[in-house]
Amino acid sequence: MPSTTPKKILAANVRRIRNSTGLSQEALADRAGMHRTYISSVERAERNVSLETLFAIAVALGVDPTELIAAPDDGEV
């Protein structure tokens, strides 16, 4: 897991879950009380998000926060 960083894991999980629910970045941002560009930067692994932000995104996606930080089983991020 040398090239995988926590930010990349979070980014991949947010993008995957958001896409599977059919939400746009803008819709997710509205639900989470954030700006679309912030969600975009999270999905590009450019942000170190706070715990509060992690939980807000999880609630907006309807998932447990641990799903956002869990490394994928297949090792791909």
PDB file of N, CA and C in Angstrom:
ATOM      1  N   MET A   1       0.814  -1.195   0.000  1.00  0.00           N
ATOM      2  CA  MET A   1       0.000   0.000   0.000  1.00  0.00           C
ATOM      3  C   MET A   1       0.857   1.257   0.000  1.00  0.00           C
ATOM      4  N   PRO A   2       2.061   1.220  -0.535  1.00  0.00           N
ATOM      5  CA  PRO A   2       2.942   2.372  -0.490  1.00  0.00           C
ATOM      6  C   PRO A   2       2.429   3.607  -1.221  1.00  0.00           C
ATOM      7  N   SER A   3       1.783   3.444  -2.365  1.00  0.00           N
ATOM      8  CA  SER A   3       1.328   4.618  -3.111  1.00  0.00           C
ATOM      9  C   SER A   3      -0.074   5.054  -2.708  1.00  0.00           C
ATOM     10  N   THR A   4      -0.725   4.273  -1.871  1.00  0.00           N
ATOM     11  CA  THR A   4      -2.072   4.618  -1.431  1.00  0.00           C
ATOM     12  C   THR A   4      -1.990   5.465  -0.170  1.00  0.00           C
ATOM     13  N   THR A   5      -2.644   6.612  -0.233  1.00  0.00           N
ATOM     14  CA  THR A   5      -2.664   7.501   0.927  1.00  0.00           C
ATOM     15  C   THR A   5      -4.085   7.557   1.472  1.00  0.00           C
ATOM     16  N   PRO A   6      -4.241   7.959   2.717  1.00  0.00           N
ATOM     17  CA  PRO A   6      -5.595   8.109   3.264  1.00  0.00           C
ATOM     18  C   PRO A   6      -6.465   9.042   2.428  1.00  0.00           C
ATOM     19  N   LYS A   7      -5.869  10.120   1.893  1.00  0.00           N
ATOM     20  CA  LYS A   7      -6.651  11.038   1.063  1.00  0.00           C
ATOM     21  C   LYS A   7      -7.136  10.357  -0.210  1.00  0.00           C
ATOM     22  N   LYS A   8      -6.302   9.497  -0.806  1.00  0.00           N
ATOM     23  CA  LYS A   8      -6.705   8.778  -2.026  1.00  0.00           C
ATOM     24  C   LYS A   8      -7.796   7.759  -1.734  1.00  0.00           C
ATOM     25  N   ILE A   9      -7.698   7.097  -0.587  1.00  0.00           N
ATOM     26  CA  ILE A   9      -8.735   6.134  -0.196  1.00  0.00           C
ATOM     27  C   ILE A   9     -10.061   6.857  -0.004  1.00  0.00           C
ATOM     28  N   LEU A  10     -10.044   7.962   0.739  1.00  0.00           N
ATOM     29  CA  LEU A  10     -11.258   8.744   0.957  1.00  0.00           C
ATOM     30  C   LEU A  10     -11.820   9.232  -0.373  1.00  0.00           C
ATOM     31  N   ALA A  11     -10.970   9.771  -1.227  1.00  0.00           N
ATOM     32  CA  ALA A  11     -11.400  10.295  -2.518  1.00  0.00           C
ATOM     33  C   ALA A  11     -12.095   9.221  -3.349  1.00  0.00           C
ATOM     34  N   ALA A  12     -11.479   8.060  -3.434  1.00  0.00           N
ATOM     35  CA  ALA A  12     -12.043   6.971  -4.237  1.00  0.00           C
ATOM     36  C   ALA A  12     -13.376   6.503  -3.667  1.00  0.00           C
ATOM     37  N   ASN A  13     -13.456   6.402  -2.341  1.00  0.00           N
ATOM     38  CA  ASN A  13     -14.697   5.937  -1.716  1.00  0.00           C
ATOM     39  C   ASN A  13     -15.829   6.947  -1.875  1.00  0.00           C
ATOM     40  N   VAL A  14     -15.537   8.221  -1.687  1.00  0.00           N
ATOM     41  CA  VAL A  14     -16.578   9.248  -1.854  1.00  0.00           C
ATOM     42  C   VAL A  14     -17.083   9.222  -3.292  1.00  0.00           C
ATOM     43  N   ARG A  15     -16.165   9.197  -4.256  1.00  0.00           N
ATOM     44  CA  ARG A  15     -16.556   9.194  -5.671  1.00  0.00           C
ATOM     45  C   ARG A  15     -17.372   7.944  -6.010  1.00  0.00           C
ATOM     46  N   ARG A  16     -16.900   6.781  -5.566  1.00  0.00           N
ATOM     47  CA  ARG A  16     -17.590   5.529  -5.865  1.00  0.00           C
ATOM     48  C   ARG A  16     -19.000   5.512  -5.278  1.00  0.00           C
ATOM     49  N   ILE A  17     -19.122   5.881  -4.015  1.00  0.00           N
ATOM     50  CA  ILE A  17     -20.431   5.857  -3.352  1.00  0.00           C
ATOM     51  C   ILE A  17     -21.345   6.925  -3.943  1.00  0.00           C
ATOM     52  N   ARG A  18     -20.806   8.101  -4.205  1.00  0.00           N
ATOM     53  CA  ARG A  18     -21.620   9.172  -4.799  1.00  0.00           C
ATOM     54  C   ARG A  18     -22.154   8.735  -6.160  1.00  0.00           C
ATOM     55  N   ASN A  19     -21.284   8.161  -6.973  1.00  0.00           N
ATOM     56  CA  ASN A  19     -21.718   7.711  -8.299  1.00  0.00           C
ATOM     57  C   ASN A  19     -22.737   6.583  -8.200  1.00  0.00           C
ATOM     58  N   SER A  20     -22.559   5.678  -7.241  1.00  0.00           N
ATOM     59  CA  SER A  20     -23.495   4.545  -7.118  1.00  0.00           C
ATOM     60  C   SER A  20     -24.877   5.001  -6.655  1.00  0.00           C
ATOM     61  N   THR A  21     -24.948   6.149  -5.987  1.00  0.00           N
ATOM     62  CA  THR A  21     -26.239   6.674  -5.546  1.00  0.00           C
ATOM     63  C   THR A  21     -26.852   7.621  -6.570  1.00  0.00           C
ATOM     64  N   GLY A  22     -26.090   7.923  -7.641  1.00  0.00           N
ATOM     65  CA  GLY A  22     -26.602   8.797  -8.685  1.00  0.00           C
ATOM     66  C   GLY A  22     -26.572  10.272  -8.342  1.00  0.00           C
ATOM     67  N   LEU A  23     -25.802  10.636  -7.323  1.00  0.00           N
ATOM     68  CA  LEU A  23     -25.713  12.041  -6.934  1.00  0.00           C
ATOM     69  C   LEU A  23     -24.635  12.759  -7.728  1.00  0.00           C
ATOM     70  N   SER A  24     -24.895  13.992  -8.065  1.00  0.00           N
ATOM     71  CA  SER A  24     -23.856  14.844  -8.642  1.00  0.00           C
ATOM     72  C   SER A  24     -23.026  15.399  -7.478  1.00  0.00           C
ATOM     73  N   GLN A  25     -21.880  15.957  -7.802  1.00  0.00           N
ATOM     74  CA  GLN A  25     -21.084  16.620  -6.766  1.00  0.00           C
ATOM     75  C   GLN A  25     -21.875  17.758  -6.138  1.00  0.00           C
ATOM     76  N   GLU A  26     -22.623  18.467  -6.956  1.00  0.00           N
ATOM     77  CA  GLU A  26     -23.411  19.586  -6.447  1.00  0.00           C
ATOM     78  C   GLU A  26     -24.496  19.111  -5.483  1.00  0.00           C
ATOM     79  N   ALA A  27     -25.175  18.004  -5.826  1.00  0.00           N
ATOM     80  CA  ALA A  27     -26.224  17.475  -4.945  1.00  0.00           C
ATOM     81  C   ALA A  27     -25.627  16.984  -3.633  1.00  0.00           C
ATOM     82  N   LEU A  28     -24.492  16.315  -3.705  1.00  0.00           N
ATOM     83  CA  LEU A  28     -23.830  15.863  -2.480  1.00  0.00           C
ATOM     84  C   LEU A  28     -23.417  17.061  -1.632  1.00  0.00           C
ATOM     85  N   ALA A  29     -22.857  18.056  -2.271  1.00  0.00           N
ATOM     86  CA  ALA A  29     -22.438  19.255  -1.545  1.00  0.00           C
ATOM     87  C   ALA A  29     -23.623  19.913  -0.848  1.00  0.00           C
ATOM     88  N   ASP A  30     -24.752  20.024  -1.543  1.00  0.00           N
ATOM     89  CA  ASP A  30     -25.951  20.611  -0.933  1.00  0.00           C
ATOM     90  C   ASP A  30     -26.382  19.815   0.286  1.00  0.00           C
ATOM     91  N   ARG A  31     -26.413  18.509   0.156  1.00  0.00           N
ATOM     92  CA  ARG A  31     -26.822  17.652   1.280  1.00  0.00           C
ATOM     93  C   ARG A  31     -25.872  17.773   2.466  1.00  0.00           C
ATOM     94  N   ALA A  32     -24.587  17.945   2.174  1.00  0.00           N
ATOM     95  CA  ALA A  32     -23.578  18.007   3.236  1.00  0.00           C
ATOM     96  C   ALA A  32     -23.356  19.423   3.763  1.00  0.00           C
ATOM     97  N   GLY A  33     -23.990  20.410   3.133  1.00  0.00           N
ATOM     98  CA  GLY A  33     -23.807  21.794   3.558  1.00  0.00           C
ATOM     99  C   GLY A  33     -22.450  22.351   3.173  1.00  0.00           C
ATOM    100  N   MET A  34     -21.963  21.934   2.004  1.00  0.00           N
ATOM    101  CA  MET A  34     -20.650  22.356   1.527  1.00  0.00           C
ATOM    102  C   MET A  34     -20.775  22.907   0.112  1.00  0.00           C
ATOM    103  N   HIS A  35     -19.679  23.419  -0.390  1.00  0.00           N
ATOM    104  CA  HIS A  35     -19.648  23.921  -1.756  1.00  0.00           C
ATOM    105  C   HIS A  35     -19.218  22.798  -2.690  1.00  0.00           C
ATOM    106  N   ARG A  36     -19.704  22.820  -3.923  1.00  0.00           N
ATOM    107  CA  ARG A  36     -19.368  21.784  -4.887  1.00  0.00           C
ATOM    108  C   ARG A  36     -17.870  21.684  -5.127  1.00  0.00           C
ATOM    109  N   THR A  37     -17.180  22.801  -5.142  1.00  0.00           N
ATOM    110  CA  THR A  37     -15.739  22.754  -5.384  1.00  0.00           C
ATOM    111  C   THR A  37     -14.999  22.072  -4.237  1.00  0.00           C
ATOM    112  N   TYR A  38     -15.559  22.144  -3.022  1.00  0.00           N
ATOM    113  CA  TYR A  38     -14.940  21.453  -1.899  1.00  0.00           C
ATOM    114  C   TYR A  38     -15.052  19.945  -2.096  1.00  0.00           C
ATOM    115  N   ILE A  39     -16.245  19.468  -2.472  1.00  0.00           N
ATOM    116  CA  ILE A  39     -16.440  18.039  -2.726  1.00  0.00           C
ATOM    117  C   ILE A  39     -15.523  17.594  -3.860  1.00  0.00           C
ATOM    118  N   SER A  40     -15.420  18.408  -4.884  1.00  0.00           N
ATOM    119  CA  SER A  40     -14.530  18.095  -6.001  1.00  0.00           C
ATOM    120  C   SER A  40     -13.090  17.932  -5.533  1.00  0.00           C
ATOM    121  N   SER A  41     -12.642  18.819  -4.668  1.00  0.00           N
ATOM    122  CA  SER A  41     -11.262  18.730  -4.182  1.00  0.00           C
ATOM    123  C   SER A  41     -11.058  17.527  -3.264  1.00  0.00           C
ATOM    124  N   VAL A  42     -12.100  17.123  -2.541  1.00  0.00           N
ATOM    125  CA  VAL A  42     -12.021  15.889  -1.737  1.00  0.00           C
ATOM    126  C   VAL A  42     -11.861  14.701  -2.676  1.00  0.00           C
ATOM    127  N   GLU A  43     -12.649  14.674  -3.739  1.00  0.00           N
ATOM    128  CA  GLU A  43     -12.599  13.560  -4.690  1.00  0.00           C
ATOM    129  C   GLU A  43     -11.306  13.529  -5.496  1.00  0.00           C
ATOM    130  N   ARG A  44     -10.573  14.623  -5.528  1.00  0.00           N
ATOM    131  CA  ARG A  44      -9.270  14.656  -6.191  1.00  0.00           C
ATOM    132  C   ARG A  44      -8.127  14.450  -5.194  1.00  0.00           C
ATOM    133  N   ALA A  45      -8.476  14.111  -3.958  1.00  0.00           N
ATOM    134  CA  ALA A  45      -7.493  13.848  -2.888  1.00  0.00           C
ATOM    135  C   ALA A  45      -6.624  15.065  -2.611  1.00  0.00           C
ATOM    136  N   GLU A  46      -7.223  16.248  -2.671  1.00  0.00           N
ATOM    137  CA  GLU A  46      -6.495  17.485  -2.397  1.00  0.00           C
ATOM    138  C   GLU A  46      -6.744  18.027  -0.995  1.00  0.00           C
ATOM    139  N   ARG A  47      -7.665  17.413  -0.258  1.00  0.00           N
ATOM    140  CA  ARG A  47      -8.057  17.939   1.048  1.00  0.00           C
ATOM    141  C   ARG A  47      -7.756  16.957   2.171  1.00  0.00           C
ATOM    142  N   ASN A  48      -7.330  17.512   3.291  1.00  0.00           N
ATOM    143  CA  ASN A  48      -7.302  16.780   4.557  1.00  0.00           C
ATOM    144  C   ASN A  48      -8.586  17.181   5.270  1.00  0.00           C
ATOM    145  N   VAL A  49      -9.571  16.303   5.264  1.00  0.00           N
ATOM    146  CA  VAL A  49     -10.864  16.673   5.831  1.00  0.00           C
ATOM    147  C   VAL A  49     -10.879  16.459   7.337  1.00  0.00           C
ATOM    148  N   SER A  50     -11.656  17.276   8.017  1.00  0.00           N
ATOM    149  CA  SER A  50     -11.828  17.138   9.457  1.00  0.00           C
ATOM    150  C   SER A  50     -12.790  15.988   9.749  1.00  0.00           C
ATOM    151  N   LEU A  51     -12.839  15.567  10.980  1.00  0.00           N
ATOM    152  CA  LEU A  51     -13.810  14.530  11.371  1.00  0.00           C
ATOM    153  C   LEU A  51     -15.232  15.014  11.145  1.00  0.00           C
ATOM    154  N   GLU A  52     -15.493  16.271  11.433  1.00  0.00           N
ATOM    155  CA  GLU A  52     -16.826  16.815  11.226  1.00  0.00           C
ATOM    156  C   GLU A  52     -17.224  16.742   9.755  1.00  0.00           C
ATOM    157  N   THR A  53     -16.279  17.072   8.885  1.00  0.00           N
ATOM    158  CA  THR A  53     -16.540  17.014   7.454  1.00  0.00           C
ATOM    159  C   THR A  53     -16.741  15.578   7.003  1.00  0.00           C
ATOM    160  N   LEU A  54     -15.914  14.669   7.485  1.00  0.00           N
ATOM    161  CA  LEU A  54     -16.051  13.250   7.148  1.00  0.00           C
ATOM    162  C   LEU A  54     -17.443  12.749   7.517  1.00  0.00           C
ATOM    163  N   PHE A  55     -17.900  13.073   8.714  1.00  0.00           N
ATOM    164  CA  PHE A  55     -19.219  12.639   9.160  1.00  0.00           C
ATOM    165  C   PHE A  55     -20.332  13.309   8.348  1.00  0.00           C
ATOM    166  N   ALA A  56     -20.172  14.586   8.010  1.00  0.00           N
ATOM    167  CA  ALA A  56     -21.189  15.283   7.207  1.00  0.00           C
ATOM    168  C   ALA A  56     -21.322  14.652   5.823  1.00  0.00           C
ATOM    169  N   ILE A  57     -20.204  14.303   5.212  1.00  0.00           N
ATOM    170  CA  ILE A  57     -20.243  13.655   3.898  1.00  0.00           C
ATOM    171  C   ILE A  57     -20.886  12.274   4.015  1.00  0.00           C
ATOM    172  N   ALA A  58     -20.530  11.535   5.065  1.00  0.00           N
ATOM    173  CA  ALA A  58     -21.115  10.203   5.267  1.00  0.00           C
ATOM    174  C   ALA A  58     -22.629  10.282   5.434  1.00  0.00           C
ATOM    175  N   VAL A  59     -23.091  11.219   6.243  1.00  0.00           N
ATOM    176  CA  VAL A  59     -24.535  11.391   6.442  1.00  0.00           C
ATOM    177  C   VAL A  59     -25.203  11.749   5.117  1.00  0.00           C
ATOM    178  N   ALA A  60     -24.595  12.646   4.366  1.00  0.00           N
ATOM    179  CA  ALA A  60     -25.159  13.067   3.084  1.00  0.00           C
ATOM    180  C   ALA A  60     -25.232  11.910   2.093  1.00  0.00           C
ATOM    181  N   LEU A  61     -24.283  10.974   2.195  1.00  0.00           N
ATOM    182  CA  LEU A  61     -24.275   9.805   1.308  1.00  0.00           C
ATOM    183  C   LEU A  61     -25.116   8.651   1.863  1.00  0.00           C
ATOM    184  N   GLY A  62     -25.499   8.760   3.128  1.00  0.00           N
ATOM    185  CA  GLY A  62     -26.290   7.703   3.750  1.00  0.00           C
ATOM    186  C   GLY A  62     -25.486   6.464   4.092  1.00  0.00           C
ATOM    187  N   VAL A  63     -24.211   6.662   4.452  1.00  0.00           N
ATOM    188  CA  VAL A  63     -23.344   5.536   4.801  1.00  0.00           C
ATOM    189  C   VAL A  63     -22.690   5.779   6.156  1.00  0.00           C
ATOM    190  N   ASP A  64     -22.146   4.726   6.722  1.00  0.00           N
ATOM    191  CA  ASP A  64     -21.370   4.833   7.950  1.00  0.00           C
ATOM    192  C   ASP A  64     -20.036   5.501   7.601  1.00  0.00           C
ATOM    193  N   PRO A  65     -19.537   6.387   8.437  1.00  0.00           N
ATOM    194  CA  PRO A  65     -18.267   7.059   8.135  1.00  0.00           C
ATOM    195  C   PRO A  65     -17.109   6.096   7.871  1.00  0.00           C
ATOM    196  N   THR A  66     -17.154   4.922   8.474  1.00  0.00           N
ATOM    197  CA  THR A  66     -16.061   3.964   8.254  1.00  0.00           C
ATOM    198  C   THR A  66     -15.989   3.506   6.799  1.00  0.00           C
ATOM    199  N   GLU A  67     -17.116   3.570   6.091  1.00  0.00           N
ATOM    200  CA  GLU A  67     -17.104   3.185   4.673  1.00  0.00           C
ATOM    201  C   GLU A  67     -16.281   4.151   3.830  1.00  0.00           C
ATOM    202  N   LEU A  68     -16.149   5.366   4.301  1.00  0.00           N
ATOM    203  CA  LEU A  68     -15.399   6.369   3.545  1.00  0.00           C
ATOM    204  C   LEU A  68     -13.894   6.230   3.723  1.00  0.00           C
ATOM    205  N   ILE A  69     -13.472   5.582   4.790  1.00  0.00           N
ATOM    206  CA  ILE A  69     -12.024   5.475   5.037  1.00  0.00           C
ATOM    207  C   ILE A  69     -11.505   4.049   4.936  1.00  0.00           C
ATOM    208  N   ALA A  70     -12.380   3.109   4.577  1.00  0.00           N
ATOM    209  CA  ALA A  70     -11.972   1.715   4.453  1.00  0.00           C
ATOM    210  C   ALA A  70     -11.190   1.508   3.156  1.00  0.00           C
ATOM    211  N   ALA A  71     -10.031   0.876   3.278  1.00  0.00           N
ATOM    212  CA  ALA A  71      -9.244   0.551   2.093  1.00  0.00           C
ATOM    213  C   ALA A  71      -9.984  -0.517   1.293  1.00  0.00           C
ATOM    214  N   PRO A  72      -9.937  -0.410  -0.034  1.00  0.00           N
ATOM    215  CA  PRO A  72     -10.628  -1.403  -0.857  1.00  0.00           C
ATOM    216  C   PRO A  72      -9.990  -2.776  -0.727  1.00  0.00           C
ATOM    217  N   ASP A  73     -10.808  -3.811  -0.825  1.00  0.00           N
ATOM    218  CA  ASP A  73     -10.309  -5.175  -0.718  1.00  0.00           C
ATOM    219  C   ASP A  73      -9.365  -5.533  -1.848  1.00  0.00           C
ATOM    220  N   ASP A  74      -9.615  -4.980  -3.025  1.00  0.00           N
ATOM    221  CA  ASP A  74      -8.798  -5.315  -4.194  1.00  0.00           C
ATOM    222  C   ASP A  74      -7.509  -4.507  -4.273  1.00  0.00           C
ATOM    223  N   GLY A  75      -7.323  -3.586  -3.343  1.00  0.00           N
ATOM    224  CA  GLY A  75      -6.102  -2.797  -3.311  1.00  0.00           C
ATOM    225  C   GLY A  75      -6.054  -1.655  -4.305  1.00  0.00           C
ATOM    226  N   GLU A  76      -7.104  -1.502  -5.113  1.00  0.00           N
ATOM    227  CA  GLU A  76      -7.115  -0.422  -6.099  1.00  0.00           C
ATOM    228  C   GLU A  76      -7.743   0.831  -5.523  1.00  0.00           C
ATOM    229  N   VAL A  77      -7.053   1.930  -5.722  1.00  0.00           N
ATOM    230  CA  VAL A  77      -7.562   3.232  -5.283  1.00  0.00           C
ATOM    231  C   VAL A  77      -7.416   4.203  -6.409  1.00  0.00           C
TER     232      VAL A  77
END
